[in-house]
Amino acid sequence: GKLFIALFIPNNCRVFIGILDSIRENHMPNLNKLLKNECEKRLQKGIDTNLLPINEHQFEVKVDMDIENIWKRFNKIISNRK
């Protein structure tokens, strides 16, 4: 199985994603492009822009085989924010 952990930092629109997997291969789609495309599709359907997420998020995805590495990375991100 896979474990998916995300850390959202709203004030600078950054999203850090850690994926625990037995194989260190990143099969995630480009989330920056995915968000942009979904927002554009919904705008074309006439959905109010206030109902859409901010299209400025930057996603950073890392796949690891060791949960400790994921937690260390998240702790480093959080400690750098202080």
PDB file of N, CA and C in Angstrom:
ATOM      1  N   GLY A   1       0.809  -1.193   0.000  1.00  0.00           N
ATOM      2  CA  GLY A   1       0.000   0.000   0.000  1.00  0.00           C
ATOM      3  C   GLY A   1       0.851   1.255   0.000  1.00  0.00           C
ATOM      4  N   LYS A   2       0.179   2.341  -0.166  1.00  0.00           N
ATOM      5  CA  LYS A   2       0.834   3.644  -0.194  1.00  0.00           C
ATOM      6  C   LYS A   2       0.255   4.516   0.907  1.00  0.00           C
ATOM      7  N   LEU A   3       1.077   5.425   1.416  1.00  0.00           N
ATOM      8  CA  LEU A   3       0.633   6.412   2.384  1.00  0.00           C
ATOM      9  C   LEU A   3       0.887   7.780   1.780  1.00  0.00           C
ATOM     10  N   PHE A   4      -0.114   8.631   1.813  1.00  0.00           N
ATOM     11  CA  PHE A   4      -0.069   9.955   1.188  1.00  0.00           C
ATOM     12  C   PHE A   4      -0.237  10.983   2.303  1.00  0.00           C
ATOM     13  N   ILE A   5       0.767  11.847   2.512  1.00  0.00           N
ATOM     14  CA  ILE A   5       0.722  12.869   3.559  1.00  0.00           C
ATOM     15  C   ILE A   5       0.961  14.222   2.900  1.00  0.00           C
ATOM     16  N   ALA A   6       0.126  15.198   3.226  1.00  0.00           N
ATOM     17  CA  ALA A   6       0.277  16.531   2.623  1.00  0.00           C
ATOM     18  C   ALA A   6       0.348  17.589   3.715  1.00  0.00           C
ATOM     19  N   LEU A   7       1.189  18.579   3.483  1.00  0.00           N
ATOM     20  CA  LEU A   7       1.327  19.727   4.371  1.00  0.00           C
ATOM     21  C   LEU A   7       1.042  20.973   3.544  1.00  0.00           C
ATOM     22  N   PHE A   8      -0.053  21.657   3.871  1.00  0.00           N
ATOM     23  CA  PHE A   8      -0.452  22.866   3.156  1.00  0.00           C
ATOM     24  C   PHE A   8       0.023  24.080   3.943  1.00  0.00           C
ATOM     25  N   ILE A   9       0.706  25.006   3.265  1.00  0.00           N
ATOM     26  CA  ILE A   9       1.121  26.265   3.879  1.00  0.00           C
ATOM     27  C   ILE A   9       0.409  27.369   3.109  1.00  0.00           C
ATOM     28  N   PRO A  10      -0.730  27.835   3.643  1.00  0.00           N
ATOM     29  CA  PRO A  10      -1.604  28.727   2.877  1.00  0.00           C
ATOM     30  C   PRO A  10      -1.046  30.118   2.606  1.00  0.00           C
ATOM     31  N   ASN A  11      -0.222  30.666   3.505  1.00  0.00           N
ATOM     32  CA  ASN A  11       0.199  32.052   3.293  1.00  0.00           C
ATOM     33  C   ASN A  11       1.153  32.223   2.117  1.00  0.00           C
ATOM     34  N   ASN A  12       1.817  31.159   1.678  1.00  0.00           N
ATOM     35  CA  ASN A  12       2.636  31.276   0.469  1.00  0.00           C
ATOM     36  C   ASN A  12       2.228  30.258  -0.597  1.00  0.00           C
ATOM     37  N   CYS A  13       1.032  29.661  -0.425  1.00  0.00           N
ATOM     38  CA  CYS A  13       0.441  28.759  -1.431  1.00  0.00           C
ATOM     39  C   CYS A  13       1.360  27.599  -1.808  1.00  0.00           C
ATOM     40  N   ARG A  14       2.010  27.006  -0.811  1.00  0.00           N
ATOM     41  CA  ARG A  14       2.875  25.854  -1.065  1.00  0.00           C
ATOM     42  C   ARG A  14       2.240  24.609  -0.462  1.00  0.00           C
ATOM     43  N   VAL A  15       2.403  23.505  -1.162  1.00  0.00           N
ATOM     44  CA  VAL A  15       1.900  22.222  -0.687  1.00  0.00           C
ATOM     45  C   VAL A  15       3.035  21.207  -0.812  1.00  0.00           C
ATOM     46  N   PHE A  16       3.387  20.609   0.302  1.00  0.00           N
ATOM     47  CA  PHE A  16       4.428  19.589   0.323  1.00  0.00           C
ATOM     48  C   PHE A  16       3.748  18.241   0.525  1.00  0.00           C
ATOM     49  N   ILE A  17       4.059  17.299  -0.352  1.00  0.00           N
ATOM     50  CA  ILE A  17       3.419  15.990  -0.310  1.00  0.00           C
ATOM     51  C   ILE A  17       4.492  14.922  -0.158  1.00  0.00           C
ATOM     52  N   GLY A  18       4.291  14.059   0.817  1.00  0.00           N
ATOM     53  CA  GLY A  18       5.171  12.919   1.024  1.00  0.00           C
ATOM     54  C   GLY A  18       4.396  11.645   0.753  1.00  0.00           C
ATOM     55  N   ILE A  19       4.983  10.771  -0.033  1.00  0.00           N
ATOM     56  CA  ILE A  19       4.335   9.499  -0.364  1.00  0.00           C
ATOM     57  C   ILE A  19       5.250   8.368   0.084  1.00  0.00           C
ATOM     58  N   LEU A  20       4.711   7.504   0.934  1.00  0.00           N
ATOM     59  CA  LEU A  20       5.437   6.323   1.368  1.00  0.00           C
ATOM     60  C   LEU A  20       5.041   5.182   0.446  1.00  0.00           C
ATOM     61  N   ASP A  21       6.045   4.572  -0.185  1.00  0.00           N
ATOM     62  CA  ASP A  21       5.774   3.488  -1.127  1.00  0.00           C
ATOM     63  C   ASP A  21       6.919   2.491  -1.057  1.00  0.00           C
ATOM     64  N   SER A  22       6.644   1.258  -1.380  1.00  0.00           N
ATOM     65  CA  SER A  22       7.682   0.228  -1.369  1.00  0.00           C
ATOM     66  C   SER A  22       8.621   0.368  -2.564  1.00  0.00           C
ATOM     67  N   ILE A  23       8.218   1.143  -3.535  1.00  0.00           N
ATOM     68  CA  ILE A  23       9.053   1.428  -4.710  1.00  0.00           C
ATOM     69  C   ILE A  23       9.184   2.942  -4.806  1.00  0.00           C
ATOM     70  N   ARG A  24      10.406   3.437  -4.944  1.00  0.00           N
ATOM     71  CA  ARG A  24      10.624   4.879  -4.948  1.00  0.00           C
ATOM     72  C   ARG A  24      10.443   5.455  -6.356  1.00  0.00           C
ATOM     73  N   GLU A  25       9.269   5.274  -6.904  1.00  0.00           N
ATOM     74  CA  GLU A  25       8.959   5.832  -8.215  1.00  0.00           C
ATOM     75  C   GLU A  25       7.790   6.784  -8.071  1.00  0.00           C
ATOM     76  N   ASN A  26       7.922   7.946  -8.654  1.00  0.00           N
ATOM     77  CA  ASN A  26       6.881   8.961  -8.554  1.00  0.00           C
ATOM     78  C   ASN A  26       5.950   8.839  -9.758  1.00  0.00           C
ATOM     79  N   HIS A  27       4.780   8.263  -9.530  1.00  0.00           N
ATOM     80  CA  HIS A  27       3.779   8.129 -10.591  1.00  0.00           C
ATOM     81  C   HIS A  27       2.675   9.166 -10.446  1.00  0.00           C
ATOM     82  N   MET A  28       2.920  10.176  -9.606  1.00  0.00           N
ATOM     83  CA  MET A  28       1.927  11.234  -9.417  1.00  0.00           C
ATOM     84  C   MET A  28       1.894  12.113 -10.658  1.00  0.00           C
ATOM     85  N   PRO A  29       0.712  12.535 -11.066  1.00  0.00           N
ATOM     86  CA  PRO A  29       0.646  13.503 -12.167  1.00  0.00           C
ATOM     87  C   PRO A  29       1.214  14.838 -11.688  1.00  0.00           C
ATOM     88  N   ASN A  30       1.549  15.704 -12.607  1.00  0.00           N
ATOM     89  CA  ASN A  30       2.019  17.035 -12.242  1.00  0.00           C
ATOM     90  C   ASN A  30       0.839  17.785 -11.631  1.00  0.00           C
ATOM     91  N   LEU A  31       0.870  17.960 -10.321  1.00  0.00           N
ATOM     92  CA  LEU A  31      -0.271  18.546  -9.619  1.00  0.00           C
ATOM     93  C   LEU A  31      -0.455  20.021  -9.943  1.00  0.00           C
ATOM     94  N   ASN A  32       0.632  20.727 -10.270  1.00  0.00           N
ATOM     95  CA  ASN A  32       0.506  22.131 -10.663  1.00  0.00           C
ATOM     96  C   ASN A  32      -0.327  22.248 -11.939  1.00  0.00           C
ATOM     97  N   LYS A  33      -0.019  21.404 -12.926  1.00  0.00           N
ATOM     98  CA  LYS A  33      -0.770  21.414 -14.186  1.00  0.00           C
ATOM     99  C   LYS A  33      -2.198  20.914 -13.979  1.00  0.00           C
ATOM    100  N   LEU A  34      -2.350  19.898 -13.145  1.00  0.00           N
ATOM    101  CA  LEU A  34      -3.672  19.328 -12.886  1.00  0.00           C
ATOM    102  C   LEU A  34      -4.609  20.367 -12.275  1.00  0.00           C
ATOM    103  N   LEU A  35      -4.129  21.119 -11.287  1.00  0.00           N
ATOM    104  CA  LEU A  35      -4.949  22.159 -10.665  1.00  0.00           C
ATOM    105  C   LEU A  35      -5.305  23.241 -11.676  1.00  0.00           C
ATOM    106  N   LYS A  36      -4.322  23.658 -12.456  1.00  0.00           N
ATOM    107  CA  LYS A  36      -4.562  24.701 -13.459  1.00  0.00           C
ATOM    108  C   LYS A  36      -5.614  24.246 -14.471  1.00  0.00           C
ATOM    109  N   ASN A  37      -5.470  23.024 -14.971  1.00  0.00           N
ATOM    110  CA  ASN A  37      -6.417  22.501 -15.965  1.00  0.00           C
ATOM    111  C   ASN A  37      -7.826  22.373 -15.396  1.00  0.00           C
ATOM    112  N   GLU A  38      -7.940  21.888 -14.164  1.00  0.00           N
ATOM    113  CA  GLU A  38      -9.262  21.740 -13.545  1.00  0.00           C
ATOM    114  C   GLU A  38      -9.924  23.098 -13.332  1.00  0.00           C
ATOM    115  N   CYS A  39      -9.154  24.084 -12.897  1.00  0.00           N
ATOM    116  CA  CYS A  39      -9.720  25.428 -12.710  1.00  0.00           C
ATOM    117  C   CYS A  39     -10.195  26.003 -14.041  1.00  0.00           C
ATOM    118  N   GLU A  40      -9.390  25.815 -15.098  1.00  0.00           N
ATOM    119  CA  GLU A  40      -9.778  26.322 -16.416  1.00  0.00           C
ATOM    120  C   GLU A  40     -11.051  25.644 -16.918  1.00  0.00           C
ATOM    121  N   LYS A  41     -11.165  24.325 -16.716  1.00  0.00           N
ATOM    122  CA  LYS A  41     -12.373  23.601 -17.134  1.00  0.00           C
ATOM    123  C   LYS A  41     -13.603  24.148 -16.426  1.00  0.00           C
ATOM    124  N   ARG A  42     -13.478  24.386 -15.144  1.00  0.00           N
ATOM    125  CA  ARG A  42     -14.624  24.868 -14.370  1.00  0.00           C
ATOM    126  C   ARG A  42     -14.983  26.303 -14.729  1.00  0.00           C
ATOM    127  N   LEU A  43     -13.979  27.111 -15.043  1.00  0.00           N
ATOM    128  CA  LEU A  43     -14.261  28.481 -15.486  1.00  0.00           C
ATOM    129  C   LEU A  43     -15.027  28.465 -16.806  1.00  0.00           C
ATOM    130  N   GLN A  44     -14.641  27.558 -17.707  1.00  0.00           N
ATOM    131  CA  GLN A  44     -15.331  27.448 -18.991  1.00  0.00           C
ATOM    132  C   GLN A  44     -16.782  27.002 -18.816  1.00  0.00           C
ATOM    133  N   LYS A  45     -17.062  26.261 -17.742  1.00  0.00           N
ATOM    134  CA  LYS A  45     -18.431  25.831 -17.459  1.00  0.00           C
ATOM    135  C   LYS A  45     -19.229  26.927 -16.767  1.00  0.00           C
ATOM    136  N   GLY A  46     -18.583  28.047 -16.480  1.00  0.00           N
ATOM    137  CA  GLY A  46     -19.284  29.171 -15.878  1.00  0.00           C
ATOM    138  C   GLY A  46     -19.334  29.165 -14.362  1.00  0.00           C
ATOM    139  N   ILE A  47     -18.499  28.364 -13.734  1.00  0.00           N
ATOM    140  CA  ILE A  47     -18.482  28.326 -12.271  1.00  0.00           C
ATOM    141  C   ILE A  47     -17.847  29.613 -11.746  1.00  0.00           C
ATOM    142  N   ASP A  48     -18.441  30.172 -10.712  1.00  0.00           N
ATOM    143  CA  ASP A  48     -17.973  31.410 -10.097  1.00  0.00           C
ATOM    144  C   ASP A  48     -16.535  31.237  -9.601  1.00  0.00           C
ATOM    145  N   THR A  49     -15.674  32.201  -9.909  1.00  0.00           N
ATOM    146  CA  THR A  49     -14.265  32.119  -9.502  1.00  0.00           C
ATOM    147  C   THR A  49     -14.105  32.064  -7.986  1.00  0.00           C
ATOM    148  N   ASN A  50     -15.061  32.599  -7.243  1.00  0.00           N
ATOM    149  CA  ASN A  50     -14.982  32.550  -5.779  1.00  0.00           C
ATOM    150  C   ASN A  50     -15.138  31.129  -5.238  1.00  0.00           C
ATOM    151  N   LEU A  51     -15.675  30.237  -6.049  1.00  0.00           N
ATOM    152  CA  LEU A  51     -15.859  28.848  -5.627  1.00  0.00           C
ATOM    153  C   LEU A  51     -14.664  27.964  -5.981  1.00  0.00           C
ATOM    154  N   LEU A  52     -13.693  28.523  -6.691  1.00  0.00           N
ATOM    155  CA  LEU A  52     -12.526  27.756  -7.118  1.00  0.00           C
ATOM    156  C   LEU A  52     -11.359  27.989  -6.172  1.00  0.00           C
ATOM    157  N   PRO A  53     -10.479  26.993  -6.054  1.00  0.00           N
ATOM    158  CA  PRO A  53      -9.281  27.206  -5.234  1.00  0.00           C
ATOM    159  C   PRO A  53      -8.354  28.202  -5.923  1.00  0.00           C
ATOM    160  N   ILE A  54      -7.503  28.807  -5.134  1.00  0.00           N
ATOM    161  CA  ILE A  54      -6.514  29.724  -5.704  1.00  0.00           C
ATOM    162  C   ILE A  54      -5.613  28.913  -6.627  1.00  0.00           C
ATOM    163  N   ASN A  55      -5.411  29.400  -7.834  1.00  0.00           N
ATOM    164  CA  ASN A  55      -4.632  28.672  -8.834  1.00  0.00           C
ATOM    165  C   ASN A  55      -3.150  29.029  -8.745  1.00  0.00           C
ATOM    166  N   GLU A  56      -2.691  29.390  -7.563  1.00  0.00           N
ATOM    167  CA  GLU A  56      -1.293  29.777  -7.399  1.00  0.00           C
ATOM    168  C   GLU A  56      -0.524  28.781  -6.548  1.00  0.00           C
ATOM    169  N   HIS A  57      -1.136  27.673  -6.167  1.00  0.00           N
ATOM    170  CA  HIS A  57      -0.462  26.699  -5.322  1.00  0.00           C
ATOM    171  C   HIS A  57       0.699  26.055  -6.075  1.00  0.00           C
ATOM    172  N   GLN A  58       1.772  25.830  -5.358  1.00  0.00           N
ATOM    173  CA  GLN A  58       2.923  25.121  -5.896  1.00  0.00           C
ATOM    174  C   GLN A  58       3.055  23.816  -5.124  1.00  0.00           C
ATOM    175  N   PHE A  59       3.033  22.704  -5.842  1.00  0.00           N
ATOM    176  CA  PHE A  59       3.104  21.388  -5.224  1.00  0.00           C
ATOM    177  C   PHE A  59       4.513  20.832  -5.345  1.00  0.00           C
ATOM    178  N   GLU A  60       4.989  20.245  -4.263  1.00  0.00           N
ATOM    179  CA  GLU A  60       6.275  19.552  -4.270  1.00  0.00           C
ATOM    180  C   GLU A  60       6.020  18.139  -3.760  1.00  0.00           C
ATOM    181  N   VAL A  61       6.285  17.150  -4.599  1.00  0.00           N
ATOM    182  CA  VAL A  61       5.993  15.754  -4.268  1.00  0.00           C
ATOM    183  C   VAL A  61       7.305  14.988  -4.137  1.00  0.00           C
ATOM    184  N   LYS A  62       7.430  14.256  -3.029  1.00  0.00           N
ATOM    185  CA  LYS A  62       8.590  13.383  -2.820  1.00  0.00           C
ATOM    186  C   LYS A  62       8.085  12.003  -2.440  1.00  0.00           C
ATOM    187  N   VAL A  63       8.644  10.991  -3.082  1.00  0.00           N
ATOM    188  CA  VAL A  63       8.309   9.602  -2.777  1.00  0.00           C
ATOM    189  C   VAL A  63       9.482   8.999  -2.019  1.00  0.00           C
ATOM    190  N   ASP A  64       9.183   8.289  -0.937  1.00  0.00           N
ATOM    191  CA  ASP A  64      10.246   7.679  -0.143  1.00  0.00           C
ATOM    192  C   ASP A  64       9.798   6.304   0.322  1.00  0.00           C
ATOM    193  N   MET A  65      10.772   5.472   0.633  1.00  0.00           N
ATOM    194  CA  MET A  65      10.487   4.128   1.117  1.00  0.00           C
ATOM    195  C   MET A  65      10.544   4.052   2.642  1.00  0.00           C
ATOM    196  N   ASP A  66      10.947   5.155   3.298  1.00  0.00           N
ATOM    197  CA  ASP A  66      11.104   5.182   4.751  1.00  0.00           C
ATOM    198  C   ASP A  66      10.280   6.329   5.332  1.00  0.00           C
ATOM    199  N   ILE A  67       9.334   6.005   6.202  1.00  0.00           N
ATOM    200  CA  ILE A  67       8.463   7.025   6.795  1.00  0.00           C
ATOM    201  C   ILE A  67       9.263   8.046   7.597  1.00  0.00           C
ATOM    202  N   GLU A  68      10.382   7.622   8.181  1.00  0.00           N
ATOM    203  CA  GLU A  68      11.208   8.555   8.960  1.00  0.00           C
ATOM    204  C   GLU A  68      11.732   9.691   8.082  1.00  0.00           C
ATOM    205  N   ASN A  69      12.094   9.393   6.849  1.00  0.00           N
ATOM    206  CA  ASN A  69      12.576  10.436   5.931  1.00  0.00           C
ATOM    207  C   ASN A  69      11.481  11.451   5.623  1.00  0.00           C
ATOM    208  N   ILE A  70      10.260  10.965   5.493  1.00  0.00           N
ATOM    209  CA  ILE A  70       9.135  11.871   5.226  1.00  0.00           C
ATOM    210  C   ILE A  70       8.916  12.787   6.418  1.00  0.00           C
ATOM    211  N   TRP A  71       8.902  12.214   7.641  1.00  0.00           N
ATOM    212  CA  TRP A  71       8.689  13.039   8.837  1.00  0.00           C
ATOM    213  C   TRP A  71       9.827  14.029   9.031  1.00  0.00           C
ATOM    214  N   LYS A  72      11.069  13.621   8.768  1.00  0.00           N
ATOM    215  CA  LYS A  72      12.212  14.546   8.884  1.00  0.00           C
ATOM    216  C   LYS A  72      12.042  15.721   7.925  1.00  0.00           C
ATOM    217  N   ARG A  73      11.622  15.419   6.714  1.00  0.00           N
ATOM    218  CA  ARG A  73      11.414  16.479   5.721  1.00  0.00           C
ATOM    219  C   ARG A  73      10.333  17.447   6.181  1.00  0.00           C
ATOM    220  N   PHE A  74       9.214  16.921   6.664  1.00  0.00           N
ATOM    221  CA  PHE A  74       8.130  17.781   7.129  1.00  0.00           C
ATOM    222  C   PHE A  74       8.562  18.597   8.345  1.00  0.00           C
ATOM    223  N   ASN A  75       9.295  17.976   9.272  1.00  0.00           N
ATOM    224  CA  ASN A  75       9.789  18.715  10.438  1.00  0.00           C
ATOM    225  C   ASN A  75      10.722  19.842  10.024  1.00  0.00           C
ATOM    226  N   LYS A  76      11.561  19.592   9.030  1.00  0.00           N
ATOM    227  CA  LYS A  76      12.473  20.626   8.536  1.00  0.00           C
ATOM    228  C   LYS A  76      11.685  21.782   7.921  1.00  0.00           C
ATOM    229  N   ILE A  77      10.673  21.469   7.138  1.00  0.00           N
ATOM    230  CA  ILE A  77       9.832  22.505   6.518  1.00  0.00           C
ATOM    231  C   ILE A  77       9.157  23.340   7.596  1.00  0.00           C
ATOM    232  N   ILE A  78       8.604  22.675   8.604  1.00  0.00           N
ATOM    233  CA  ILE A  78       7.914  23.389   9.680  1.00  0.00           C
ATOM    234  C   ILE A  78       8.887  24.239  10.485  1.00  0.00           C
ATOM    235  N   SER A  79      10.064  23.705  10.810  1.00  0.00           N
ATOM    236  CA  SER A  79      11.027  24.475  11.605  1.00  0.00           C
ATOM    237  C   SER A  79      11.577  25.667  10.824  1.00  0.00           C
ATOM    238  N   ASN A  80      11.664  25.558   9.507  1.00  0.00           N
ATOM    239  CA  ASN A  80      12.118  26.694   8.691  1.00  0.00           C
ATOM    240  C   ASN A  80      11.068  27.793   8.615  1.00  0.00           C
ATOM    241  N   ARG A  81       9.825  27.463   8.910  1.00  0.00           N
ATOM    242  CA  ARG A  81       8.731  28.438   8.857  1.00  0.00           C
ATOM    243  C   ARG A  81       8.696  29.320  10.097  1.00  0.00           C
ATOM    244  N   LYS A  82       9.331  28.888  11.182  1.00  0.00           N
ATOM    245  CA  LYS A  82       9.257  29.630  12.453  1.00  0.00           C
ATOM    246  C   LYS A  82      10.145  30.846  12.450  1.00  0.00           C
TER     247      LYS A  82
END
